[in-house]
Amino acid sequence: MSEKILIVDDEQEIADLVALYLENENFQVFKFYSAKDALRCIDNETLDMAILDVMLPDMNGFEICRKIREKYNYPVIMLTAKGEEVDKVTGLTLGADDYITKPFSLMALVSKVNALMRRLSKVQAQIMSSGEITVHMKTMQVYKGDEPVTLSKKEFSLLLYLWENAGQIVSKESILEHVWDIDGQFVDDNTVTVNISRLKNKLGTEEIANVRGLGYIWTGKVNKN
């Protein structure tokens, strides 16, 4: 079954071309020129990805991204004509996975889509665990023992990054780059500290250790099934 991709762009020529290229890659495309119609699709279809234009007449793409992240964890790519750093930061802060600036190469966009789909396919097959904590990658559910643990998207990404580097110290700068996808200049200095603290409290674990002056380390062993 082909993956389902939502495209929202009020520039009909761009939306039509993106849809055509993705359909040629055997994706099932749901194409809309307004946020209102797109939101109905989001609620009624099981989607695998969304490509959202930032500037829409009835609602900006950031707001659509925020609404998606309230319920779903599939990848989101933002399209922006501005090319301003603040747009990138805003989109990524709201949970977008990538962004591309107009005018853009359609092949470059398709490449980003395929890369995100490959990454998604790879992680969906995994169940990861460390001690009492288990992560089901397909559903992005986290458990401590038999009890579910509710994490935000950033907390979930932070946990995975720590697990990917288990036994190694990761710096605050590295966490910002890989989890927030920015170099930190637009983020409060306490962002990582606060999210680490929340993650530790929600998981009820001491396996996240603060190495003073260097960063953080997951001290437990991580298993992948």
C-alpha atoms as a PDB file:
ATOM      1  CA  MET A   1       0.000   0.000   0.000  1.00  0.00           C
ATOM      2  CA  SER A   2       1.421   3.394  -0.989  1.00  0.00           C
ATOM      3  CA  GLU A   3       2.110   6.053   1.627  1.00  0.00           C
ATOM      4  CA  LYS A   4      -0.364   8.928   1.886  1.00  0.00           C
ATOM      5  CA  ILE A   5       0.966  12.486   1.648  1.00  0.00           C
ATOM      6  CA  LEU A   6      -0.971  15.699   2.281  1.00  0.00           C
ATOM      7  CA  ILE A   7      -0.005  18.780   0.232  1.00  0.00           C
ATOM      8  CA  VAL A   8      -1.337  22.225   1.132  1.00  0.00           C
ATOM      9  CA  ASP A   9      -0.364  25.227  -1.007  1.00  0.00           C
ATOM     10  CA  ASP A  10      -2.558  28.065  -2.276  1.00  0.00           C
ATOM     11  CA  GLU A  11      -0.275  28.445  -5.328  1.00  0.00           C
ATOM     12  CA  GLN A  12      -2.126  25.884  -7.410  1.00  0.00           C
ATOM     13  CA  GLU A  13       0.623  25.453 -10.005  1.00  0.00           C
ATOM     14  CA  ILE A  14       3.146  24.532  -7.286  1.00  0.00           C
ATOM     15  CA  ALA A  15       0.715  22.186  -5.522  1.00  0.00           C
ATOM     16  CA  ASP A  16      -0.142  20.491  -8.821  1.00  0.00           C
ATOM     17  CA  LEU A  17       3.521  19.994  -9.769  1.00  0.00           C
ATOM     18  CA  VAL A  18       4.479  18.652  -6.339  1.00  0.00           C
ATOM     19  CA  ALA A  19       1.517  16.272  -6.471  1.00  0.00           C
ATOM     20  CA  LEU A  20       2.493  15.099  -9.951  1.00  0.00           C
ATOM     21  CA  TYR A  21       6.106  14.384  -8.948  1.00  0.00           C
ATOM     22  CA  LEU A  22       5.061  12.519  -5.803  1.00  0.00           C
ATOM     23  CA  GLU A  23       2.437  10.485  -7.652  1.00  0.00           C
ATOM     24  CA  ASN A  24       5.174   9.483 -10.100  1.00  0.00           C
ATOM     25  CA  GLU A  25       7.039   8.156  -7.037  1.00  0.00           C
ATOM     26  CA  ASN A  26       3.931   6.017  -6.264  1.00  0.00           C
ATOM     27  CA  PHE A  27       2.745   8.075  -3.298  1.00  0.00           C
ATOM     28  CA  GLN A  28      -0.971   8.620  -2.753  1.00  0.00           C
ATOM     29  CA  VAL A  29      -1.472  12.395  -2.682  1.00  0.00           C
ATOM     30  CA  PHE A  30      -4.175  14.491  -1.029  1.00  0.00           C
ATOM     31  CA  LYS A  31      -3.852  17.997  -2.489  1.00  0.00           C
ATOM     32  CA  PHE A  32      -5.546  21.147  -1.200  1.00  0.00           C
ATOM     33  CA  TYR A  33      -5.261  24.866  -1.839  1.00  0.00           C
ATOM     34  CA  SER A  34      -6.644  25.993   1.517  1.00  0.00           C
ATOM     35  CA  ALA A  35      -6.229  25.117   5.187  1.00  0.00           C
ATOM     36  CA  LYS A  36      -9.950  24.521   5.728  1.00  0.00           C
ATOM     37  CA  ASP A  37     -10.107  21.614   3.296  1.00  0.00           C
ATOM     38  CA  ALA A  38      -6.763  20.238   4.501  1.00  0.00           C
ATOM     39  CA  LEU A  39      -7.896  20.115   8.123  1.00  0.00           C
ATOM     40  CA  ARG A  40     -10.860  17.925   7.175  1.00  0.00           C
ATOM     41  CA  CYS A  41      -8.478  15.557   5.411  1.00  0.00           C
ATOM     42  CA  ILE A  42      -6.172  15.437   8.436  1.00  0.00           C
ATOM     43  CA  ASP A  43      -9.069  14.310  10.608  1.00  0.00           C
ATOM     44  CA  ASN A  44     -10.500  11.819   8.109  1.00  0.00           C
ATOM     45  CA  GLU A  45      -7.437  10.158   6.566  1.00  0.00           C
ATOM     46  CA  THR A  46      -4.563   8.124   8.021  1.00  0.00           C
ATOM     47  CA  LEU A  47      -1.676  10.142   6.613  1.00  0.00           C
ATOM     48  CA  ASP A  48       2.045   9.343   6.484  1.00  0.00           C
ATOM     49  CA  MET A  49       3.373  12.861   5.816  1.00  0.00           C
ATOM     50  CA  ALA A  50       2.285  16.482   5.338  1.00  0.00           C
ATOM     51  CA  ILE A  51       3.856  19.180   3.126  1.00  0.00           C
ATOM     52  CA  LEU A  52       2.582  22.582   4.247  1.00  0.00           C
ATOM     53  CA  ASP A  53       3.010  26.013   2.713  1.00  0.00           C
ATOM     54  CA  VAL A  54       3.581  28.655   5.396  1.00  0.00           C
ATOM     55  CA  MET A  55       1.569  31.416   3.706  1.00  0.00           C
ATOM     56  CA  LEU A  56      -2.062  30.424   3.185  1.00  0.00           C
ATOM     57  CA  PRO A  57      -5.089  32.728   2.842  1.00  0.00           C
ATOM     58  CA  ASP A  58      -7.194  31.276   5.644  1.00  0.00           C
ATOM     59  CA  MET A  59      -4.609  29.917   8.134  1.00  0.00           C
ATOM     60  CA  ASN A  60      -0.815  29.781   8.073  1.00  0.00           C
ATOM     61  CA  GLY A  61       1.038  26.511   7.763  1.00  0.00           C
ATOM     62  CA  PHE A  62       2.498  26.856  11.251  1.00  0.00           C
ATOM     63  CA  GLU A  63      -0.993  26.628  12.729  1.00  0.00           C
ATOM     64  CA  ILE A  64      -1.781  23.530  10.658  1.00  0.00           C
ATOM     65  CA  CYS A  65       1.492  21.986  11.844  1.00  0.00           C
ATOM     66  CA  ARG A  66       0.557  22.751  15.445  1.00  0.00           C
ATOM     67  CA  LYS A  67      -2.849  21.099  14.983  1.00  0.00           C
ATOM     68  CA  ILE A  68      -1.219  18.014  13.426  1.00  0.00           C
ATOM     69  CA  ARG A  69       1.228  17.712  16.328  1.00  0.00           C
ATOM     70  CA  GLU A  70      -1.645  17.762  18.830  1.00  0.00           C
ATOM     71  CA  LYS A  71      -2.666  14.310  17.546  1.00  0.00           C
ATOM     72  CA  TYR A  72      -0.101  12.854  15.143  1.00  0.00           C
ATOM     73  CA  ASN A  73       3.638  12.238  14.821  1.00  0.00           C
ATOM     74  CA  TYR A  74       4.091  11.713  11.073  1.00  0.00           C
ATOM     75  CA  PRO A  75       6.731  13.865   9.310  1.00  0.00           C
ATOM     76  CA  VAL A  76       5.930  17.459   8.339  1.00  0.00           C
ATOM     77  CA  ILE A  77       7.824  19.513   5.737  1.00  0.00           C
ATOM     78  CA  MET A  78       7.250  23.283   5.658  1.00  0.00           C
ATOM     79  CA  LEU A  79       7.400  25.311   2.433  1.00  0.00           C
ATOM     80  CA  THR A  80       8.291  28.988   2.816  1.00  0.00           C
ATOM     81  CA  ALA A  81       8.849  31.774   0.313  1.00  0.00           C
ATOM     82  CA  LYS A  82      10.475  34.030   2.866  1.00  0.00           C
ATOM     83  CA  GLY A  83      13.697  32.161   3.461  1.00  0.00           C
ATOM     84  CA  GLU A  84      14.009  33.836   6.851  1.00  0.00           C
ATOM     85  CA  GLU A  85      15.713  32.035   9.713  1.00  0.00           C
ATOM     86  CA  VAL A  86      12.810  32.857  12.024  1.00  0.00           C
ATOM     87  CA  ASP A  87      10.463  30.818   9.791  1.00  0.00           C
ATOM     88  CA  LYS A  88      12.710  27.797  10.081  1.00  0.00           C
ATOM     89  CA  VAL A  89      12.946  28.153  13.843  1.00  0.00           C
ATOM     90  CA  THR A  90       9.180  28.626  14.208  1.00  0.00           C
ATOM     91  CA  GLY A  91       8.388  25.578  12.087  1.00  0.00           C
ATOM     92  CA  LEU A  92      10.889  23.326  13.804  1.00  0.00           C
ATOM     93  CA  THR A  93       9.814  24.511  17.243  1.00  0.00           C
ATOM     94  CA  LEU A  94       6.217  23.562  16.404  1.00  0.00           C
ATOM     95  CA  GLY A  95       7.338  20.082  15.416  1.00  0.00           C
ATOM     96  CA  ALA A  96       8.135  20.267  11.688  1.00  0.00           C
ATOM     97  CA  ASP A  97      10.779  17.770  10.567  1.00  0.00           C
ATOM     98  CA  ASP A  98      12.255  19.784   7.699  1.00  0.00           C
ATOM     99  CA  TYR A  99      11.672  22.872   5.603  1.00  0.00           C
ATOM    100  CA  ILE A 100      12.441  24.007   2.082  1.00  0.00           C
ATOM    101  CA  THR A 101      12.559  27.556   0.712  1.00  0.00           C
ATOM    102  CA  LYS A 102      10.758  28.652  -2.448  1.00  0.00           C
ATOM    103  CA  PRO A 103      11.695  28.588  -5.250  1.00  0.00           C
ATOM    104  CA  PHE A 104      12.871  25.018  -4.859  1.00  0.00           C
ATOM    105  CA  SER A 105      13.869  22.055  -6.976  1.00  0.00           C
ATOM    106  CA  LEU A 106      11.066  19.527  -7.214  1.00  0.00           C
ATOM    107  CA  MET A 107      13.648  16.762  -7.265  1.00  0.00           C
ATOM    108  CA  ALA A 108      15.178  18.146  -4.054  1.00  0.00           C
ATOM    109  CA  LEU A 109      11.742  18.047  -2.400  1.00  0.00           C
ATOM    110  CA  VAL A 110      11.137  14.488  -3.595  1.00  0.00           C
ATOM    111  CA  SER A 111      14.550  13.548  -2.221  1.00  0.00           C
ATOM    112  CA  LYS A 112      13.634  14.973   1.194  1.00  0.00           C
ATOM    113  CA  VAL A 113      10.316  13.109   1.131  1.00  0.00           C
ATOM    114  CA  ASN A 114      11.987   9.815   0.263  1.00  0.00           C
ATOM    115  CA  ALA A 115      14.658  10.305   2.934  1.00  0.00           C
ATOM    116  CA  LEU A 116      12.041  10.961   5.635  1.00  0.00           C
ATOM    117  CA  MET A 117      10.000   7.964   4.484  1.00  0.00           C
ATOM    118  CA  ARG A 118      13.067   5.701   4.617  1.00  0.00           C
ATOM    119  CA  ARG A 119      13.862   6.926   8.116  1.00  0.00           C
ATOM    120  CA  LEU A 120      10.255   6.380   9.181  1.00  0.00           C
ATOM    121  CA  SER A 121      10.182   2.883   7.693  1.00  0.00           C
ATOM    122  CA  LYS A 122      13.413   1.985   9.463  1.00  0.00           C
ATOM    123  CA  VAL A 123      12.303   3.061  12.923  1.00  0.00           C
ATOM    124  CA  GLN A 124       8.743   1.741  12.671  1.00  0.00           C
ATOM    125  CA  ALA A 125      10.013  -1.825  12.744  1.00  0.00           C
ATOM    126  CA  GLN A 126      11.853  -1.369  16.018  1.00  0.00           C
ATOM    127  CA  ILE A 127      11.027  -1.952  19.638  1.00  0.00           C
ATOM    128  CA  MET A 128      13.696  -0.448  21.871  1.00  0.00           C
ATOM    129  CA  SER A 129      14.150  -0.953  25.583  1.00  0.00           C
ATOM    130  CA  SER A 130      16.395   0.031  28.456  1.00  0.00           C
ATOM    131  CA  GLY A 131      15.717  -1.351  31.893  1.00  0.00           C
ATOM    132  CA  GLU A 132      12.007  -0.975  32.620  1.00  0.00           C
ATOM    133  CA  ILE A 133      11.459   1.482  29.757  1.00  0.00           C
ATOM    134  CA  THR A 134      10.202   0.286  26.374  1.00  0.00           C
ATOM    135  CA  VAL A 135       9.589   2.309  23.210  1.00  0.00           C
ATOM    136  CA  HIS A 136       7.367   1.023  20.402  1.00  0.00           C
ATOM    137  CA  MET A 137       8.662   2.972  17.428  1.00  0.00           C
ATOM    138  CA  LYS A 138       5.753   2.233  15.068  1.00  0.00           C
ATOM    139  CA  THR A 139       3.230   3.827  17.407  1.00  0.00           C
ATOM    140  CA  MET A 140       5.707   6.109  19.217  1.00  0.00           C
ATOM    141  CA  GLN A 141       4.407   4.798  22.536  1.00  0.00           C
ATOM    142  CA  VAL A 142       6.562   4.702  25.644  1.00  0.00           C
ATOM    143  CA  TYR A 143       6.038   2.389  28.613  1.00  0.00           C
ATOM    144  CA  LYS A 144       7.596   1.990  32.024  1.00  0.00           C
ATOM    145  CA  GLY A 145       6.825  -1.591  32.842  1.00  0.00           C
ATOM    146  CA  ASP A 146       3.194  -1.971  31.753  1.00  0.00           C
ATOM    147  CA  GLU A 147       2.308   1.679  32.390  1.00  0.00           C
ATOM    148  CA  PRO A 148       2.186   4.106  29.424  1.00  0.00           C
ATOM    149  CA  VAL A 149       4.261   7.287  29.690  1.00  0.00           C
ATOM    150  CA  THR A 150       3.077  10.382  27.813  1.00  0.00           C
ATOM    151  CA  LEU A 151       5.945  12.338  26.238  1.00  0.00           C
ATOM    152  CA  SER A 152       5.876  15.428  24.045  1.00  0.00           C
ATOM    153  CA  LYS A 153       7.409  15.124  20.579  1.00  0.00           C
ATOM    154  CA  LYS A 154      10.585  16.876  21.750  1.00  0.00           C
ATOM    155  CA  GLU A 155      10.838  14.704  24.865  1.00  0.00           C
ATOM    156  CA  PHE A 156      10.402  11.616  22.688  1.00  0.00           C
ATOM    157  CA  SER A 157      13.095  12.817  20.265  1.00  0.00           C
ATOM    158  CA  LEU A 158      15.376  13.665  23.189  1.00  0.00           C
ATOM    159  CA  LEU A 159      14.963  10.158  24.636  1.00  0.00           C
ATOM    160  CA  LEU A 160      15.777   8.560  21.282  1.00  0.00           C
ATOM    161  CA  TYR A 161      18.853  10.746  20.823  1.00  0.00           C
ATOM    162  CA  LEU A 162      20.138   9.785  24.268  1.00  0.00           C
ATOM    163  CA  TRP A 163      19.461   6.120  23.495  1.00  0.00           C
ATOM    164  CA  GLU A 164      21.195   6.337  20.125  1.00  0.00           C
ATOM    165  CA  ASN A 165      24.264   7.589  22.000  1.00  0.00           C
ATOM    166  CA  ALA A 166      23.872   5.435  25.136  1.00  0.00           C
ATOM    167  CA  GLY A 167      27.097   5.289  27.130  1.00  0.00           C
ATOM    168  CA  GLN A 168      28.423   8.430  25.447  1.00  0.00           C
ATOM    169  CA  ILE A 169      28.338  12.034  26.653  1.00  0.00           C
ATOM    170  CA  VAL A 170      26.290  14.309  24.386  1.00  0.00           C
ATOM    171  CA  SER A 171      26.738  18.064  24.741  1.00  0.00           C
ATOM    172  CA  LYS A 172      23.918  20.580  25.057  1.00  0.00           C
ATOM    173  CA  GLU A 173      24.934  21.970  21.655  1.00  0.00           C
ATOM    174  CA  SER A 174      24.722  18.509  20.085  1.00  0.00           C
ATOM    175  CA  ILE A 175      21.267  17.964  21.594  1.00  0.00           C
ATOM    176  CA  LEU A 176      20.038  21.309  20.231  1.00  0.00           C
ATOM    177  CA  GLU A 177      21.395  20.482  16.795  1.00  0.00           C
ATOM    178  CA  HIS A 178      19.935  16.978  16.574  1.00  0.00           C
ATOM    179  CA  VAL A 179      16.696  17.322  18.540  1.00  0.00           C
ATOM    180  CA  TRP A 180      15.772  20.941  17.787  1.00  0.00           C
ATOM    181  CA  ASP A 181      17.734  21.074  14.478  1.00  0.00           C
ATOM    182  CA  ILE A 182      19.124  24.519  15.288  1.00  0.00           C
ATOM    183  CA  ASP A 183      22.380  25.817  16.701  1.00  0.00           C
ATOM    184  CA  GLY A 184      20.787  27.209  19.843  1.00  0.00           C
ATOM    185  CA  GLN A 185      21.043  30.928  19.234  1.00  0.00           C
ATOM    186  CA  PHE A 186      17.255  31.295  19.111  1.00  0.00           C
ATOM    187  CA  VAL A 187      16.609  28.987  22.072  1.00  0.00           C
ATOM    188  CA  ASP A 188      16.633  29.806  25.763  1.00  0.00           C
ATOM    189  CA  ASP A 189      19.761  28.577  27.549  1.00  0.00           C
ATOM    190  CA  ASN A 190      17.642  26.443  29.867  1.00  0.00           C
ATOM    191  CA  THR A 191      15.759  24.604  27.086  1.00  0.00           C
ATOM    192  CA  VAL A 192      17.823  21.421  27.231  1.00  0.00           C
ATOM    193  CA  THR A 193      18.083  21.445  31.031  1.00  0.00           C
ATOM    194  CA  VAL A 194      14.323  21.853  31.451  1.00  0.00           C
ATOM    195  CA  ASN A 195      13.481  19.122  28.932  1.00  0.00           C
ATOM    196  CA  ILE A 196      16.017  16.725  30.453  1.00  0.00           C
ATOM    197  CA  SER A 197      14.473  17.325  33.867  1.00  0.00           C
ATOM    198  CA  ARG A 198      10.936  16.729  32.554  1.00  0.00           C
ATOM    199  CA  LEU A 199      12.033  13.561  30.788  1.00  0.00           C
ATOM    200  CA  LYS A 200      13.698  12.193  33.932  1.00  0.00           C
ATOM    201  CA  ASN A 201      10.603  12.948  36.002  1.00  0.00           C
ATOM    202  CA  LYS A 202       8.178  11.382  33.530  1.00  0.00           C
ATOM    203  CA  LEU A 203      10.286   8.247  33.148  1.00  0.00           C
ATOM    204  CA  GLY A 204      11.145   8.081  36.836  1.00  0.00           C
ATOM    205  CA  THR A 205      14.725   7.201  35.962  1.00  0.00           C
ATOM    206  CA  GLU A 206      18.197   8.102  37.162  1.00  0.00           C
ATOM    207  CA  GLU A 207      19.816   6.695  34.023  1.00  0.00           C
ATOM    208  CA  ILE A 208      20.114  10.201  32.562  1.00  0.00           C
ATOM    209  CA  ALA A 209      23.220  11.630  34.191  1.00  0.00           C
ATOM    210  CA  ASN A 210      24.470  15.217  34.039  1.00  0.00           C
ATOM    211  CA  VAL A 211      28.219  15.320  33.407  1.00  0.00           C
ATOM    212  CA  ARG A 212      29.099  18.772  34.706  1.00  0.00           C
ATOM    213  CA  GLY A 213      30.482  21.052  32.038  1.00  0.00           C
ATOM    214  CA  LEU A 214      30.235  18.405  29.303  1.00  0.00           C
ATOM    215  CA  GLY A 215      26.620  17.374  28.792  1.00  0.00           C
ATOM    216  CA  TYR A 216      24.397  14.380  29.466  1.00  0.00           C
ATOM    217  CA  ILE A 217      24.692  10.604  29.189  1.00  0.00           C
ATOM    218  CA  TRP A 218      22.251   7.681  29.231  1.00  0.00           C
ATOM    219  CA  THR A 219      23.992   5.245  31.538  1.00  0.00           C
ATOM    220  CA  GLY A 220      21.820   2.179  30.914  1.00  0.00           C
ATOM    221  CA  LYS A 221      22.121  -0.438  28.182  1.00  0.00           C
ATOM    222  CA  VAL A 222      19.754   0.004  25.217  1.00  0.00           C
ATOM    223  CA  ASN A 223      18.394  -3.011  23.337  1.00  0.00           C
ATOM    224  CA  LYS A 224      16.874  -2.957  19.830  1.00  0.00           C
ATOM    225  CA  ASN A 225      14.536  -5.715  18.679  1.00  0.00           C
END
